[in-house]
N, C-alpha and C. Protein backbone atom coordinates (compact mmCIF):
# COMPACT_ATOMS: atom_id res chain seq x y z
N ALA A 1 0.93 -1.16 0.39
CA ALA A 1 -0.01 -0.19 -0.28
C ALA A 1 0.96 0.78 0.06
N LEU A 2 0.49 1.94 -0.94
CA LEU A 2 1.16 3.60 -1.25
C LEU A 2 0.59 4.04 0.40
N THR A 3 1.73 4.71 1.30
CA THR A 3 1.55 5.64 2.01
C THR A 3 1.50 7.02 1.50
N THR A 4 1.18 7.91 2.07
CA THR A 4 1.41 9.55 1.88
C THR A 4 2.41 10.25 1.55
N GLU A 5 3.60 9.78 2.45
CA GLU A 5 5.07 9.78 2.62
C GLU A 5 5.43 9.42 0.88
N HIS A 6 4.93 8.16 0.22
CA HIS A 6 5.62 7.81 -1.00
C HIS A 6 5.19 8.71 -1.47
N LYS A 7 3.25 8.91 -1.85
CA LYS A 7 3.02 10.05 -2.89
C LYS A 7 4.07 11.55 -2.84
N GLU A 8 3.98 11.66 -1.30
CA GLU A 8 4.87 12.92 -1.19
C GLU A 8 6.63 12.92 -1.80
N ASP A 9 7.22 11.83 -1.83
CA ASP A 9 8.74 11.56 -2.56
C ASP A 9 8.26 11.67 -3.40
N PHE A 10 7.36 10.94 -4.30
CA PHE A 10 7.06 10.78 -5.73
C PHE A 10 7.20 12.39 -6.55
N LYS A 11 6.51 13.13 -5.74
CA LYS A 11 5.81 14.65 -6.14
C LYS A 11 7.40 15.61 -6.12
N ARG A 12 7.65 14.92 -5.10
CA ARG A 12 9.15 16.12 -5.06
C ARG A 12 10.12 15.24 -5.95
N ASN A 13 10.28 14.39 -6.09
CA ASN A 13 11.28 14.06 -6.39
C ASN A 13 11.49 13.48 -7.53
N GLY A 14 10.31 12.97 -8.11
CA GLY A 14 10.14 12.02 -9.26
C GLY A 14 9.86 11.12 -9.36
N PHE A 15 10.15 9.81 -8.23
CA PHE A 15 10.40 8.76 -8.37
C PHE A 15 10.53 8.18 -6.98
N VAL A 16 10.31 7.12 -6.91
CA VAL A 16 10.10 6.01 -5.33
C VAL A 16 10.01 4.30 -5.83
N LYS A 17 10.94 4.30 -4.64
CA LYS A 17 11.67 2.98 -4.91
C LYS A 17 10.60 1.69 -3.68
N LEU A 18 9.69 1.15 -3.85
CA LEU A 18 9.12 0.28 -3.33
C LEU A 18 9.02 -1.40 -3.20
N ALA A 19 9.93 -1.23 -1.98
CA ALA A 19 10.46 -2.78 -1.48
C ALA A 19 8.86 -4.06 -1.94
N ASN A 20 9.23 -5.04 -2.27
CA ASN A 20 8.45 -5.75 -1.96
C ASN A 20 6.96 -6.18 -2.93
N VAL A 21 7.00 -5.30 -4.12
CA VAL A 21 5.84 -4.94 -4.99
C VAL A 21 5.82 -6.36 -5.45
N LEU A 22 6.48 -7.46 -5.78
CA LEU A 22 6.24 -8.79 -6.27
C LEU A 22 7.30 -9.65 -4.99
N THR A 23 7.02 -11.06 -5.12
CA THR A 23 7.46 -11.97 -4.33
C THR A 23 8.80 -12.30 -5.19
N PRO A 24 10.27 -12.75 -4.50
CA PRO A 24 11.19 -13.99 -4.74
C PRO A 24 10.61 -14.40 -6.48
N GLY A 25 9.81 -15.37 -5.80
CA GLY A 25 9.54 -16.56 -6.50
C GLY A 25 8.69 -15.65 -8.00
N ALA A 26 7.81 -14.16 -7.83
CA ALA A 26 7.59 -13.87 -9.09
C ALA A 26 8.40 -13.64 -9.69
N VAL A 27 9.86 -12.93 -9.22
CA VAL A 27 10.76 -12.31 -9.90
C VAL A 27 11.45 -13.33 -11.20
N ILE A 28 11.54 -14.15 -10.24
CA ILE A 28 12.81 -15.71 -10.68
C ILE A 28 11.70 -16.17 -12.13
N ARG A 29 10.54 -16.34 -11.92
CA ARG A 29 9.77 -16.67 -12.81
C ARG A 29 9.56 -15.50 -14.09
N LEU A 30 9.89 -14.24 -13.82
CA LEU A 30 9.88 -13.38 -15.00
C LEU A 30 11.13 -13.30 -15.59
N ARG A 31 11.60 -14.04 -14.85
CA ARG A 31 13.48 -13.26 -15.17
C ARG A 31 13.70 -14.98 -16.20
N GLN A 32 12.91 -15.99 -15.69
CA GLN A 32 13.30 -17.02 -16.81
C GLN A 32 12.74 -16.82 -18.27
N GLU A 33 11.74 -15.70 -17.88
CA GLU A 33 10.79 -16.04 -19.30
C GLU A 33 11.65 -14.96 -19.98
N LEU A 34 11.96 -13.79 -19.57
CA LEU A 34 12.61 -12.63 -20.18
C LEU A 34 14.21 -13.44 -20.64
N ILE A 35 14.67 -14.10 -19.75
CA ILE A 35 15.77 -14.38 -20.75
C ILE A 35 15.63 -15.48 -21.83
N LYS A 36 14.32 -16.19 -21.93
CA LYS A 36 13.96 -17.02 -22.70
C LYS A 36 13.97 -16.38 -24.08
N LEU A 37 12.74 -14.97 -23.91
CA LEU A 37 12.70 -14.14 -24.99
C LEU A 37 13.84 -13.49 -25.48
N LEU A 38 14.21 -12.99 -24.86
CA LEU A 38 15.33 -12.59 -25.64
C LEU A 38 17.05 -13.21 -26.04
N ARG A 39 17.06 -14.79 -25.88
CA ARG A 39 17.65 -15.46 -26.55
C ARG A 39 17.22 -15.80 -27.91
N GLU A 40 16.25 -16.45 -27.54
CA GLU A 40 15.24 -16.42 -28.80
C GLU A 40 15.14 -15.50 -29.78
N THR A 41 14.28 -14.22 -29.86
CA THR A 41 15.00 -12.90 -30.25
C THR A 41 16.31 -12.46 -30.80
N PHE A 42 17.04 -12.47 -30.28
CA PHE A 42 18.58 -11.99 -30.27
C PHE A 42 19.70 -13.23 -30.98
N ASN A 43 18.77 -14.64 -30.50
CA ASN A 43 19.95 -15.67 -31.26
C ASN A 43 21.07 -16.03 -30.07
N THR A 44 21.28 -15.48 -29.10
CA THR A 44 22.55 -15.04 -28.09
C THR A 44 22.22 -16.10 -26.93
N SER A 45 22.93 -16.26 -26.40
CA SER A 45 22.56 -16.41 -24.82
C SER A 45 23.10 -15.67 -24.27
N LEU A 46 22.03 -15.37 -22.38
CA LEU A 46 22.67 -14.31 -21.71
C LEU A 46 23.21 -14.98 -20.63
N ASP A 47 23.67 -14.39 -19.81
CA ASP A 47 24.26 -14.56 -18.45
C ASP A 47 25.79 -15.43 -18.63
N GLY A 48 26.27 -14.54 -19.34
CA GLY A 48 27.91 -15.11 -19.88
C GLY A 48 27.64 -15.21 -21.61
N GLY A 49 26.92 -15.17 -22.03
CA GLY A 49 27.38 -14.94 -23.52
C GLY A 49 27.81 -13.73 -23.97
N VAL A 50 27.23 -13.38 -25.23
CA VAL A 50 27.97 -11.89 -25.99
C VAL A 50 28.08 -11.13 -24.91
N ARG A 51 29.05 -10.51 -24.88
CA ARG A 51 29.22 -8.90 -23.90
C ARG A 51 29.32 -8.23 -24.81
N ASP A 52 29.42 -6.78 -24.35
CA ASP A 52 29.07 -5.51 -25.02
C ASP A 52 28.04 -4.87 -25.31
N ARG A 53 26.17 -6.18 -25.09
CA ARG A 53 25.46 -5.69 -25.88
C ARG A 53 24.19 -5.10 -24.90
N PHE A 54 23.82 -4.10 -25.71
CA PHE A 54 22.80 -3.35 -24.72
C PHE A 54 20.95 -4.17 -25.50
N LEU A 55 20.59 -4.81 -25.27
CA LEU A 55 19.64 -5.70 -25.87
C LEU A 55 18.00 -4.70 -25.23
N SER A 56 17.18 -4.51 -26.26
CA SER A 56 16.09 -4.59 -25.81
C SER A 56 14.86 -4.36 -27.01
N LEU A 57 13.69 -5.37 -26.52
CA LEU A 57 12.54 -5.83 -27.11
C LEU A 57 11.20 -5.17 -26.68
N GLU A 58 10.57 -4.38 -27.00
CA GLU A 58 9.41 -3.88 -26.68
C GLU A 58 7.80 -4.64 -27.39
N MET A 59 7.46 -4.16 -26.76
CA MET A 59 5.53 -4.68 -26.49
C MET A 59 5.60 -6.74 -26.75
N ALA A 60 6.23 -6.90 -25.33
CA ALA A 60 6.25 -8.08 -25.33
C ALA A 60 4.86 -9.31 -25.16
N TRP A 61 4.18 -8.32 -24.73
CA TRP A 61 2.89 -8.26 -24.19
C TRP A 61 1.96 -8.78 -24.32
N VAL A 62 2.27 -8.55 -25.93
CA VAL A 62 0.95 -8.79 -26.95
C VAL A 62 1.12 -10.00 -26.83
N ASP A 63 2.25 -10.87 -27.20
CA ASP A 63 2.32 -11.94 -28.02
C ASP A 63 2.53 -12.90 -26.71
N ASN A 64 2.86 -13.00 -25.64
CA ASN A 64 3.54 -13.62 -24.67
C ASN A 64 2.75 -14.01 -23.18
N PRO A 65 1.17 -14.24 -22.99
CA PRO A 65 0.91 -14.28 -21.60
C PRO A 65 1.22 -14.30 -20.36
N LEU A 66 2.37 -14.80 -20.40
CA LEU A 66 2.89 -14.42 -18.91
C LEU A 66 3.57 -13.26 -18.71
N VAL A 67 4.33 -12.38 -19.85
CA VAL A 67 5.20 -11.15 -19.81
C VAL A 67 3.30 -10.81 -19.76
N ARG A 68 2.38 -10.70 -20.45
CA ARG A 68 0.82 -10.12 -19.74
C ARG A 68 1.30 -9.81 -18.67
N GLY A 69 1.20 -10.87 -17.69
CA GLY A 69 0.40 -10.44 -16.65
C GLY A 69 1.38 -9.64 -15.49
N TYR A 70 2.49 -9.36 -16.04
CA TYR A 70 3.21 -8.14 -15.17
C TYR A 70 2.90 -7.19 -15.87
N VAL A 71 3.36 -6.87 -17.09
CA VAL A 71 3.07 -6.03 -17.64
C VAL A 71 1.56 -5.00 -17.57
N LEU A 72 0.90 -6.38 -17.51
CA LEU A 72 -1.16 -5.33 -17.20
C LEU A 72 -1.09 -5.71 -15.60
N SER A 73 -0.44 -6.12 -14.74
CA SER A 73 -1.20 -6.03 -13.20
C SER A 73 -2.00 -4.76 -12.83
N PRO A 74 -3.31 -5.19 -12.34
CA PRO A 74 -3.56 -4.19 -11.63
C PRO A 74 -3.19 -3.38 -10.94
N ARG A 75 -2.61 -3.83 -9.61
CA ARG A 75 -2.02 -4.01 -8.49
C ARG A 75 -0.69 -2.42 -9.03
N ILE A 76 0.33 -3.25 -9.72
CA ILE A 76 1.02 -2.12 -10.71
C ILE A 76 0.78 -0.63 -11.38
N ALA A 77 -0.85 -1.00 -11.75
CA ALA A 77 -1.34 -0.19 -12.30
C ALA A 77 -1.93 1.29 -11.68
N LYS A 78 -2.48 0.34 -10.20
CA LYS A 78 -3.18 0.86 -9.16
C LYS A 78 -1.81 1.97 -9.34
N ILE A 79 -0.51 1.47 -8.30
CA ILE A 79 0.24 2.56 -7.95
C ILE A 79 0.60 3.46 -8.72
N CYS A 80 0.92 2.96 -9.92
CA CYS A 80 1.32 4.12 -10.66
C CYS A 80 0.03 4.88 -10.82
N ALA A 81 -1.19 4.73 -10.96
CA ALA A 81 -2.25 5.82 -10.72
C ALA A 81 -2.29 6.97 -9.75
N ASP A 82 -1.99 5.90 -8.46
CA ASP A 82 -2.19 6.57 -7.20
C ASP A 82 -0.99 7.56 -7.16
N LEU A 83 0.30 7.52 -8.08
CA LEU A 83 0.99 8.14 -7.91
C LEU A 83 1.26 9.69 -8.50
N LEU A 84 0.78 9.86 -9.69
CA LEU A 84 0.07 10.31 -10.39
C LEU A 84 -1.24 11.33 -10.29
N ASN A 85 -2.31 11.02 -9.23
CA ASN A 85 -3.07 10.83 -8.66
C ASN A 85 -4.51 11.43 -9.78
N VAL A 86 -4.62 10.39 -10.53
CA VAL A 86 -5.57 10.38 -11.59
C VAL A 86 -6.16 8.80 -11.56
N PRO A 87 -7.22 8.98 -11.73
CA PRO A 87 -8.03 7.53 -11.63
C PRO A 87 -7.74 6.32 -12.29
N SER A 88 -6.91 6.04 -13.37
CA SER A 88 -6.36 5.12 -14.01
C SER A 88 -5.33 5.23 -15.41
N VAL A 89 -4.33 4.63 -15.52
CA VAL A 89 -3.58 4.83 -16.63
C VAL A 89 -3.60 3.90 -17.58
N ARG A 90 -3.02 4.28 -18.83
CA ARG A 90 -2.92 3.60 -20.10
C ARG A 90 -1.70 3.17 -20.27
N LEU A 91 -1.26 2.24 -20.59
CA LEU A 91 -0.41 1.28 -20.99
C LEU A 91 0.45 1.94 -22.08
N TYR A 92 1.59 2.87 -22.48
CA TYR A 92 2.11 3.29 -23.28
C TYR A 92 2.83 2.18 -23.75
N HIS A 93 3.52 1.48 -23.28
CA HIS A 93 4.46 0.25 -23.99
C HIS A 93 5.26 -0.47 -22.81
N ASP A 94 5.88 -1.77 -23.13
CA ASP A 94 6.85 -2.23 -22.72
C ASP A 94 8.09 -2.35 -23.51
N ASN A 95 9.50 -2.88 -22.48
CA ASN A 95 10.19 -2.77 -22.97
C ASN A 95 11.02 -3.36 -21.82
N ILE A 96 11.84 -4.87 -22.82
CA ILE A 96 12.82 -5.55 -21.79
C ILE A 96 13.93 -4.92 -21.88
N LEU A 97 14.90 -4.72 -21.23
CA LEU A 97 16.31 -4.20 -21.13
C LEU A 97 17.36 -5.31 -20.69
N SER A 98 18.33 -5.49 -21.51
CA SER A 98 19.16 -6.33 -20.83
C SER A 98 20.94 -5.67 -21.16
N LYS A 99 21.30 -5.06 -20.15
CA LYS A 99 22.54 -4.59 -20.80
C LYS A 99 23.36 -5.36 -20.39
N GLU A 100 23.84 -6.11 -20.75
CA GLU A 100 25.05 -6.93 -20.65
C GLU A 100 26.72 -6.73 -20.18
N PRO A 101 27.42 -7.49 -19.40
CA PRO A 101 28.33 -7.16 -19.31
C PRO A 101 29.49 -6.74 -20.20
N GLY A 102 29.48 -5.31 -19.43
CA GLY A 102 31.01 -4.86 -20.34
C GLY A 102 30.56 -3.43 -21.80
N CYS A 103 28.91 -3.43 -21.58
CA CYS A 103 28.50 -2.53 -22.87
C CYS A 103 28.26 -1.32 -21.65
N GLY A 104 29.32 -0.90 -20.65
CA GLY A 104 29.24 0.03 -20.35
C GLY A 104 27.70 1.12 -19.61
N ARG A 105 28.02 2.04 -18.94
CA ARG A 105 26.81 3.02 -18.58
C ARG A 105 25.80 3.71 -19.55
N THR A 106 25.05 3.32 -18.56
CA THR A 106 23.81 5.00 -19.83
C THR A 106 23.93 5.74 -19.17
N PRO A 107 24.00 7.43 -20.17
CA PRO A 107 24.37 8.44 -19.77
C PRO A 107 22.92 9.24 -19.08
N TRP A 108 23.61 10.04 -18.15
CA TRP A 108 22.09 10.62 -17.12
C TRP A 108 21.07 10.89 -18.07
N HIS A 109 20.15 11.15 -18.03
CA HIS A 109 18.92 11.52 -18.72
C HIS A 109 17.49 11.59 -18.44
N TYR A 110 17.16 11.68 -18.94
CA TYR A 110 15.34 11.49 -18.22
C TYR A 110 14.26 11.15 -20.11
N ASP A 111 13.37 10.85 -19.28
CA ASP A 111 12.71 10.06 -20.24
C ASP A 111 11.21 10.73 -20.77
N ASP A 112 11.33 12.05 -21.17
CA ASP A 112 10.51 12.56 -21.19
C ASP A 112 9.93 12.70 -23.00
N HIS A 113 10.92 12.91 -23.65
CA HIS A 113 11.57 13.09 -25.16
C HIS A 113 11.36 12.01 -25.58
N HIS A 114 11.21 10.79 -25.02
CA HIS A 114 10.27 9.45 -25.65
C HIS A 114 9.12 8.84 -25.51
N PHE A 115 8.08 10.08 -24.82
CA PHE A 115 7.07 9.79 -24.83
C PHE A 115 6.21 11.18 -25.83
N PRO A 116 5.55 10.86 -26.90
CA PRO A 116 5.23 11.84 -27.71
C PRO A 116 3.71 12.32 -27.21
N LEU A 117 3.35 12.36 -26.21
CA LEU A 117 2.02 12.53 -25.55
C LEU A 117 1.80 13.95 -25.30
N ALA A 118 0.67 14.68 -25.50
CA ALA A 118 0.21 15.54 -24.46
C ALA A 118 0.03 15.59 -23.34
N THR A 119 0.66 14.95 -22.51
CA THR A 119 0.91 15.04 -20.91
C THR A 119 1.85 14.99 -20.29
N ASP A 120 2.23 15.41 -19.25
CA ASP A 120 3.46 15.10 -18.14
C ASP A 120 2.99 14.37 -17.08
N ASP A 121 2.02 13.50 -17.39
CA ASP A 121 1.35 12.43 -16.18
C ASP A 121 1.67 11.44 -16.94
N VAL A 122 3.05 10.94 -16.84
CA VAL A 122 3.71 9.78 -17.32
C VAL A 122 4.68 8.75 -16.37
N VAL A 123 4.27 8.01 -15.85
CA VAL A 123 5.25 7.32 -14.85
C VAL A 123 5.62 5.79 -15.39
N THR A 124 7.01 5.53 -14.95
CA THR A 124 7.27 4.18 -15.37
C THR A 124 7.96 3.48 -14.22
N ALA A 125 7.43 1.68 -14.39
CA ALA A 125 7.77 1.30 -13.50
C ALA A 125 8.54 0.17 -13.91
N TRP A 126 9.89 0.32 -13.64
CA TRP A 126 11.13 -0.18 -13.54
C TRP A 126 11.07 -1.57 -12.46
N ILE A 127 10.90 -3.07 -13.47
CA ILE A 127 11.01 -3.76 -12.08
C ILE A 127 12.22 -4.72 -12.67
N PRO A 128 13.49 -4.92 -11.78
CA PRO A 128 14.30 -5.48 -11.84
C PRO A 128 13.85 -6.80 -11.65
N ALA A 129 14.94 -7.74 -13.04
CA ALA A 129 14.83 -9.54 -12.84
C ALA A 129 15.53 -9.72 -11.68
N GLN A 130 16.04 -8.84 -10.91
CA GLN A 130 16.97 -10.20 -10.49
C GLN A 130 17.58 -8.72 -9.54
N PRO A 131 18.29 -9.58 -8.34
CA PRO A 131 18.61 -8.58 -7.44
C PRO A 131 19.42 -7.51 -7.53
N ILE A 132 19.77 -6.01 -7.82
CA ILE A 132 20.96 -5.26 -8.69
C ILE A 132 21.51 -4.31 -7.01
N PRO A 133 23.07 -5.22 -6.59
CA PRO A 133 23.63 -4.53 -6.11
C PRO A 133 24.19 -2.95 -6.37
N VAL A 134 24.98 -2.59 -5.64
CA VAL A 134 25.61 -1.16 -6.56
C VAL A 134 26.58 -1.56 -6.85
N GLU A 135 27.16 -2.26 -6.88
CA GLU A 135 28.22 -3.04 -7.70
C GLU A 135 28.14 -3.09 -9.04
N MET A 136 26.86 -3.53 -9.42
CA MET A 136 26.61 -3.47 -10.97
C MET A 136 25.76 -2.36 -11.49
N GLY A 137 25.93 -1.57 -10.48
CA GLY A 137 25.47 0.17 -11.62
C GLY A 137 24.06 0.52 -11.54
N PRO A 138 23.27 0.42 -10.62
CA PRO A 138 21.76 0.42 -10.58
C PRO A 138 20.73 1.61 -10.91
N LEU A 139 19.69 1.43 -11.46
CA LEU A 139 19.64 2.54 -11.91
C LEU A 139 19.49 3.60 -11.05
N SER A 140 20.06 5.59 -11.04
CA SER A 140 20.25 6.47 -10.33
C SER A 140 19.24 7.57 -10.45
N PHE A 141 18.80 8.08 -9.40
CA PHE A 141 17.76 9.13 -9.66
C PHE A 141 18.21 10.82 -9.13
N ALA A 142 18.61 11.42 -9.85
CA ALA A 142 18.68 12.86 -9.23
C ALA A 142 17.66 13.44 -8.49
N LYS A 143 18.02 14.36 -7.71
CA LYS A 143 16.18 14.99 -7.08
C LYS A 143 16.86 16.08 -6.32
N PRO A 144 15.38 16.91 -6.27
CA PRO A 144 14.10 16.64 -6.79
C PRO A 144 13.83 16.76 -8.44
N LEU A 145 12.92 16.85 -8.34
CA LEU A 145 12.46 16.21 -10.01
C LEU A 145 12.71 17.35 -11.32
N ASP A 146 12.55 18.47 -10.66
CA ASP A 146 13.36 19.46 -11.30
C ASP A 146 14.54 20.04 -11.75
N VAL A 147 15.09 18.86 -11.53
CA VAL A 147 16.36 18.55 -11.84
C VAL A 147 17.15 18.95 -13.41
N PHE A 148 16.15 18.12 -13.97
CA PHE A 148 15.91 18.65 -15.64
C PHE A 148 16.12 19.67 -15.90
N GLU A 149 15.55 20.75 -15.27
CA GLU A 149 15.97 22.33 -15.37
C GLU A 149 17.22 22.32 -15.77
N LEU A 150 17.78 22.23 -14.64
CA LEU A 150 19.22 22.61 -14.54
C LEU A 150 20.29 22.46 -15.67
N VAL A 151 20.20 21.23 -15.98
CA VAL A 151 20.58 20.49 -17.08
C VAL A 151 20.11 20.88 -18.66
N ARG A 152 19.10 21.63 -19.01
CA ARG A 152 18.62 21.50 -20.00
C ARG A 152 19.32 22.05 -21.42
N ASP A 153 20.23 22.64 -20.57
CA ASP A 153 21.36 23.32 -22.02
C ASP A 153 22.49 22.72 -21.83
N VAL A 154 23.07 21.95 -21.38
CA VAL A 154 24.05 20.99 -21.45
C VAL A 154 24.37 20.07 -22.93
N GLU A 155 24.93 19.83 -23.56
CA GLU A 155 24.84 19.47 -24.61
C GLU A 155 25.04 18.10 -24.72
N PHE A 156 24.11 17.33 -25.02
CA PHE A 156 24.46 16.03 -24.61
C PHE A 156 26.11 15.53 -26.25
N ASN A 157 26.67 14.49 -25.80
CA ASN A 157 27.82 13.76 -26.22
C ASN A 157 28.25 12.42 -26.54
N LYS A 158 27.86 11.53 -27.28
CA LYS A 158 27.74 10.35 -27.12
C LYS A 158 28.95 9.64 -27.60
N PHE A 159 29.60 10.51 -27.93
CA PHE A 159 31.46 9.60 -27.55
C PHE A 159 32.34 9.78 -26.69
N ASP A 160 32.17 10.34 -25.85
CA ASP A 160 33.08 10.43 -24.57
C ASP A 160 32.36 10.37 -23.20
N THR A 161 32.93 10.90 -22.01
CA THR A 161 32.21 10.65 -20.73
C THR A 161 32.29 12.45 -20.88
N SER A 162 31.96 13.57 -21.49
CA SER A 162 32.11 15.35 -21.16
C SER A 162 30.89 15.48 -20.89
N TYR A 163 29.59 14.78 -21.33
CA TYR A 163 28.55 15.04 -20.97
C TYR A 163 28.19 15.05 -19.37
N ASP A 164 28.57 13.42 -19.05
CA ASP A 164 28.08 13.50 -17.44
C ASP A 164 29.02 14.18 -16.80
N ARG A 165 30.13 14.39 -16.76
CA ARG A 165 31.05 15.61 -16.36
C ARG A 165 30.35 16.32 -15.87
N ARG A 166 30.14 17.40 -17.35
CA ARG A 166 29.43 18.24 -17.02
C ARG A 166 27.86 18.40 -16.07
N ILE A 167 27.30 17.09 -16.39
CA ILE A 167 26.46 16.93 -15.30
C ILE A 167 26.35 16.78 -13.90
N THR A 168 27.63 16.07 -13.76
CA THR A 168 28.06 16.16 -12.42
C THR A 168 28.66 17.56 -11.92
N ASP A 169 29.56 18.20 -12.52
CA ASP A 169 29.68 19.75 -11.86
C ASP A 169 28.26 20.18 -12.23
N VAL A 170 27.33 20.96 -12.87
CA VAL A 170 25.89 20.89 -12.18
C VAL A 170 25.49 20.62 -11.28
N PHE A 171 25.20 19.62 -10.98
CA PHE A 171 24.87 18.40 -9.38
C PHE A 171 25.75 19.46 -8.37
N LYS A 172 26.99 18.90 -8.47
CA LYS A 172 27.63 19.89 -7.47
C LYS A 172 27.25 20.77 -7.00
N ASN A 173 27.28 22.12 -8.16
CA ASN A 173 27.53 23.40 -8.09
C ASN A 173 25.77 23.85 -7.37
N ASN A 174 24.77 22.82 -7.94
CA ASN A 174 23.15 22.87 -7.27
C ASN A 174 23.13 22.50 -5.98
N ASN A 175 24.04 21.42 -5.34
CA ASN A 175 23.84 20.09 -3.97
C ASN A 175 22.32 19.58 -4.53
N VAL A 176 22.96 18.66 -5.89
CA VAL A 176 21.55 17.89 -6.13
C VAL A 176 22.11 16.61 -5.38
N ALA A 177 21.04 16.16 -4.97
CA ALA A 177 21.18 14.53 -4.44
C ALA A 177 20.77 13.58 -5.17
N VAL A 178 21.56 12.17 -4.85
CA VAL A 178 21.11 11.66 -6.29
C VAL A 178 21.11 10.10 -5.51
N GLU A 179 20.23 9.31 -5.76
CA GLU A 179 19.81 8.19 -4.41
C GLU A 179 19.99 7.18 -6.18
N ASP A 180 21.40 6.36 -5.40
CA ASP A 180 21.67 5.04 -6.40
C ASP A 180 22.08 3.55 -5.78
N ARG A 181 21.29 3.88 -4.70
CA ARG A 181 21.55 2.09 -4.03
C ARG A 181 20.82 0.91 -4.79
N GLY A 182 21.05 0.24 -4.24
CA GLY A 182 20.76 -0.84 -5.34
C GLY A 182 19.47 -1.12 -4.87
N PHE A 183 18.68 -2.40 -5.90
CA PHE A 183 17.35 -2.93 -5.75
C PHE A 183 17.50 -4.12 -4.98
N GLU A 184 16.84 -4.68 -4.41
CA GLU A 184 16.31 -6.21 -3.70
C GLU A 184 15.65 -6.49 -4.15
N ILE A 185 15.35 -7.71 -4.24
CA ILE A 185 14.48 -8.74 -5.21
C ILE A 185 13.24 -8.50 -5.03
N GLY A 186 12.39 -8.01 -6.01
CA GLY A 186 11.23 -7.37 -6.09
C GLY A 186 10.94 -6.22 -5.45
N GLU A 187 11.55 -5.55 -5.70
CA GLU A 187 11.38 -4.28 -5.29
C GLU A 187 11.27 -3.12 -6.88
N ILE A 188 10.61 -2.31 -6.82
CA ILE A 188 10.50 -1.36 -8.33
C ILE A 188 10.36 -0.20 -8.29
N SER A 189 10.53 0.51 -9.14
CA SER A 189 11.11 2.28 -8.67
C SER A 189 10.08 2.03 -9.81
N PHE A 190 9.32 3.67 -9.74
CA PHE A 190 8.33 4.11 -9.94
C PHE A 190 9.10 5.30 -10.48
N HIS A 191 8.60 5.66 -11.84
CA HIS A 191 9.70 7.20 -12.01
C HIS A 191 8.91 7.85 -13.09
N HIS A 192 8.96 9.43 -12.67
CA HIS A 192 8.40 10.36 -13.32
C HIS A 192 8.85 10.85 -14.93
N ASN A 193 8.46 10.60 -15.45
CA ASN A 193 9.03 10.82 -16.97
C ASN A 193 9.91 12.04 -17.39
N ARG A 194 10.05 13.10 -16.12
CA ARG A 194 10.74 14.22 -16.33
C ARG A 194 12.19 13.75 -14.97
N SER A 195 12.03 12.93 -14.53
CA SER A 195 12.59 12.37 -13.51
C SER A 195 14.42 12.00 -14.06
N PHE A 196 14.93 12.65 -13.61
CA PHE A 196 16.59 12.61 -14.50
C PHE A 196 17.40 11.33 -13.43
């Protein structure tokens, strides 16, 4: 159940991490299915297979009944709606992501430009399919929510780390806090489309 504190944290910071949303068994079963789907789609083995790849598979719920059960979960949808303070939500898409060992980090970003929608009421439920300790580089969040405005004019560069260095300087100069703790099995983060 969401608390008032969860809702206030989401409104202020643009994200909230909730423990025990899924049972360990539910996460393990989902992980098995995702590995199977990625292996079949990309003709590769995971968990020690090809390195340096960032695999992405969208809209799996349409054809896969097990994935559909997670993606269309009424409980997860209710959490999303309650965080946005709306009566219900619609699904934009699902996205299965697998960062293979050695593929590097994802630069700082926010998801707003991925959603061609006429609303800012967008929330992503990010479900790790395994525990993610700090050493694995878990999803990190800058807070508060309006941090994206501080970095709007920082020019992106995908060829080196200069972009992230400039972002780090902006964070330091503006006392921006970063939540970068690991994820326990069954923990889900919910983040606003403008959460950086």
